């Protein structure tokens, strides 16, 4: 863990930034604030208030984005959703 006020409930992950949550196994939040990686192998690369909840899902940045489908991805922007399997 790098930064302050993080919460981690799983193992094998990476947390950086401020006040981020990691609850997926081998998930990562590598920057930003108030981001959540709850899917196994999910990742949030930065931004603010983003969520990656699908298995292997990713959010690369922006604000209030959600990747909830398996292997779904959101590249950035504001308030975007990727909910189907492999959606982007």
C-alpha atoms as a PDB file:
ATOM      1  CA  UNK A   1       0.000   0.000   0.000  1.00  0.00           C
ATOM      2  CA  UNK A   2       1.235   3.416  -1.001  1.00  0.00           C
ATOM      3  CA  UNK A   3      -0.636   6.494   0.225  1.00  0.00           C
ATOM      4  CA  UNK A   4      -3.162   7.104   2.972  1.00  0.00           C
ATOM      5  CA  UNK A   5      -6.546   5.835   4.160  1.00  0.00           C
ATOM      6  CA  UNK A   6      -6.743   2.667   2.029  1.00  0.00           C
ATOM      7  CA  UNK A   7      -8.827  -0.421   2.770  1.00  0.00           C
ATOM      8  CA  UNK A   8      -7.844  -3.900   1.639  1.00  0.00           C
ATOM      9  CA  UNK A   9      -9.793  -7.068   2.391  1.00  0.00           C
ATOM     10  CA  UNK A  10      -7.927  -9.463   0.074  1.00  0.00           C
ATOM     11  CA  UNK A  11      -4.397 -10.610  -0.650  1.00  0.00           C
ATOM     12  CA  UNK A  12      -2.068 -10.298  -3.615  1.00  0.00           C
ATOM     13  CA  UNK A  13      -3.128  -6.789  -4.616  1.00  0.00           C
ATOM     14  CA  UNK A  14      -1.633  -3.336  -5.046  1.00  0.00           C
ATOM     15  CA  UNK A  15      -2.998  -0.095  -3.601  1.00  0.00           C
ATOM     16  CA  UNK A  16      -1.723   3.426  -4.265  1.00  0.00           C
ATOM     17  CA  UNK A  17      -3.255   6.895  -4.128  1.00  0.00           C
ATOM     18  CA  UNK A  18      -5.702   8.075  -1.466  1.00  0.00           C
ATOM     19  CA  UNK A  19      -8.651   6.386   0.235  1.00  0.00           C
ATOM     20  CA  UNK A  20      -9.012   3.525  -2.270  1.00  0.00           C
ATOM     21  CA  UNK A  21     -10.634   0.119  -1.654  1.00  0.00           C
ATOM     22  CA  UNK A  22      -9.372  -3.260  -2.779  1.00  0.00           C
ATOM     23  CA  UNK A  23     -11.610  -6.265  -2.178  1.00  0.00           C
ATOM     24  CA  UNK A  24     -10.817  -8.541  -5.125  1.00  0.00           C
ATOM     25  CA  UNK A  25      -8.080 -11.162  -5.028  1.00  0.00           C
ATOM     26  CA  UNK A  26      -5.028 -10.024  -7.031  1.00  0.00           C
ATOM     27  CA  UNK A  27      -6.820  -6.755  -7.851  1.00  0.00           C
ATOM     28  CA  UNK A  28      -5.125  -3.360  -7.996  1.00  0.00           C
ATOM     29  CA  UNK A  29      -5.749   0.346  -7.652  1.00  0.00           C
ATOM     30  CA  UNK A  30      -2.612   2.085  -8.808  1.00  0.00           C
ATOM     31  CA  UNK A  31      -3.573   5.705  -8.179  1.00  0.00           C
ATOM     32  CA  UNK A  32      -6.270   8.307  -7.753  1.00  0.00           C
ATOM     33  CA  UNK A  33      -8.796   8.633  -4.956  1.00  0.00           C
ATOM     34  CA  UNK A  34     -11.968   6.884  -3.798  1.00  0.00           C
ATOM     35  CA  UNK A  35     -11.557   4.092  -6.359  1.00  0.00           C
ATOM     36  CA  UNK A  36     -12.679   0.466  -5.870  1.00  0.00           C
ATOM     37  CA  UNK A  37     -11.354  -2.765  -7.368  1.00  0.00           C
ATOM     38  CA  UNK A  38     -13.693  -5.491  -6.138  1.00  0.00           C
ATOM     39  CA  UNK A  39     -13.487  -8.068  -8.910  1.00  0.00           C
ATOM     40  CA  UNK A  40     -10.771 -10.710  -8.853  1.00  0.00           C
ATOM     41  CA  UNK A  41      -7.877  -9.522 -11.062  1.00  0.00           C
ATOM     42  CA  UNK A  42      -9.701  -6.195 -11.570  1.00  0.00           C
ATOM     43  CA  UNK A  43      -7.803  -2.913 -11.855  1.00  0.00           C
ATOM     44  CA  UNK A  44      -8.328   0.823 -11.594  1.00  0.00           C
ATOM     45  CA  UNK A  45      -5.367   2.844 -12.856  1.00  0.00           C
ATOM     46  CA  UNK A  46      -6.361   6.228 -11.474  1.00  0.00           C
ATOM     47  CA  UNK A  47      -8.970   8.940 -11.486  1.00  0.00           C
ATOM     48  CA  UNK A  48     -11.710   9.529  -8.949  1.00  0.00           C
ATOM     49  CA  UNK A  49     -14.608   7.375  -7.724  1.00  0.00           C
ATOM     50  CA  UNK A  50     -14.142   4.626 -10.335  1.00  0.00           C
ATOM     51  CA  UNK A  51     -15.188   0.993  -9.831  1.00  0.00           C
ATOM     52  CA  UNK A  52     -13.969  -2.238 -11.423  1.00  0.00           C
ATOM     53  CA  UNK A  53     -16.170  -5.054 -10.163  1.00  0.00           C
ATOM     54  CA  UNK A  54     -16.106  -7.651 -12.925  1.00  0.00           C
ATOM     55  CA  UNK A  55     -13.507 -10.420 -13.014  1.00  0.00           C
ATOM     56  CA  UNK A  56     -10.525  -8.992 -14.902  1.00  0.00           C
ATOM     57  CA  UNK A  57     -12.336  -5.681 -15.464  1.00  0.00           C
ATOM     58  CA  UNK A  58     -10.432  -2.409 -15.740  1.00  0.00           C
ATOM     59  CA  UNK A  59     -10.954   1.336 -15.525  1.00  0.00           C
ATOM     60  CA  UNK A  60      -8.042   3.423 -16.786  1.00  0.00           C
ATOM     61  CA  UNK A  61      -9.050   6.784 -15.322  1.00  0.00           C
ATOM     62  CA  UNK A  62     -11.643   9.519 -15.364  1.00  0.00           C
ATOM     63  CA  UNK A  63     -14.445   9.969 -12.862  1.00  0.00           C
ATOM     64  CA  UNK A  64     -17.394   7.837 -11.720  1.00  0.00           C
ATOM     65  CA  UNK A  65     -16.770   5.099 -14.303  1.00  0.00           C
ATOM     66  CA  UNK A  66     -17.796   1.460 -13.771  1.00  0.00           C
ATOM     67  CA  UNK A  67     -16.575  -1.747 -15.412  1.00  0.00           C
ATOM     68  CA  UNK A  68     -18.837  -4.487 -14.093  1.00  0.00           C
ATOM     69  CA  UNK A  69     -18.731  -7.139 -16.803  1.00  0.00           C
ATOM     70  CA  UNK A  70     -16.089  -9.833 -16.941  1.00  0.00           C
ATOM     71  CA  UNK A  71     -13.037  -8.471 -18.807  1.00  0.00           C
ATOM     72  CA  UNK A  72     -14.935  -5.202 -19.382  1.00  0.00           C
ATOM     73  CA  UNK A  73     -12.993  -1.946 -19.684  1.00  0.00           C
ATOM     74  CA  UNK A  74     -13.557   1.797 -19.490  1.00  0.00           C
ATOM     75  CA  UNK A  75     -10.709   3.951 -20.811  1.00  0.00           C
ATOM     76  CA  UNK A  76     -11.694   7.203 -19.098  1.00  0.00           C
ATOM     77  CA  UNK A  77     -14.200  10.019 -19.265  1.00  0.00           C
ATOM     78  CA  UNK A  78     -17.027  10.694 -16.855  1.00  0.00           C
ATOM     79  CA  UNK A  79     -19.852   8.408 -15.702  1.00  0.00           C
ATOM     80  CA  UNK A  80     -19.291   5.660 -18.307  1.00  0.00           C
ATOM     81  CA  UNK A  81     -20.403   2.025 -17.882  1.00  0.00           C
ATOM     82  CA  UNK A  82     -19.160  -1.247 -19.381  1.00  0.00           C
ATOM     83  CA  UNK A  83     -21.444  -3.993 -18.119  1.00  0.00           C
ATOM     84  CA  UNK A  84     -21.362  -6.841 -20.626  1.00  0.00           C
ATOM     85  CA  UNK A  85     -18.695  -9.505 -20.854  1.00  0.00           C
ATOM     86  CA  UNK A  86     -15.776  -7.970 -22.763  1.00  0.00           C
ATOM     87  CA  UNK A  87     -17.594  -4.636 -23.143  1.00  0.00           C
ATOM     88  CA  UNK A  88     -15.649  -1.398 -23.498  1.00  0.00           C
END
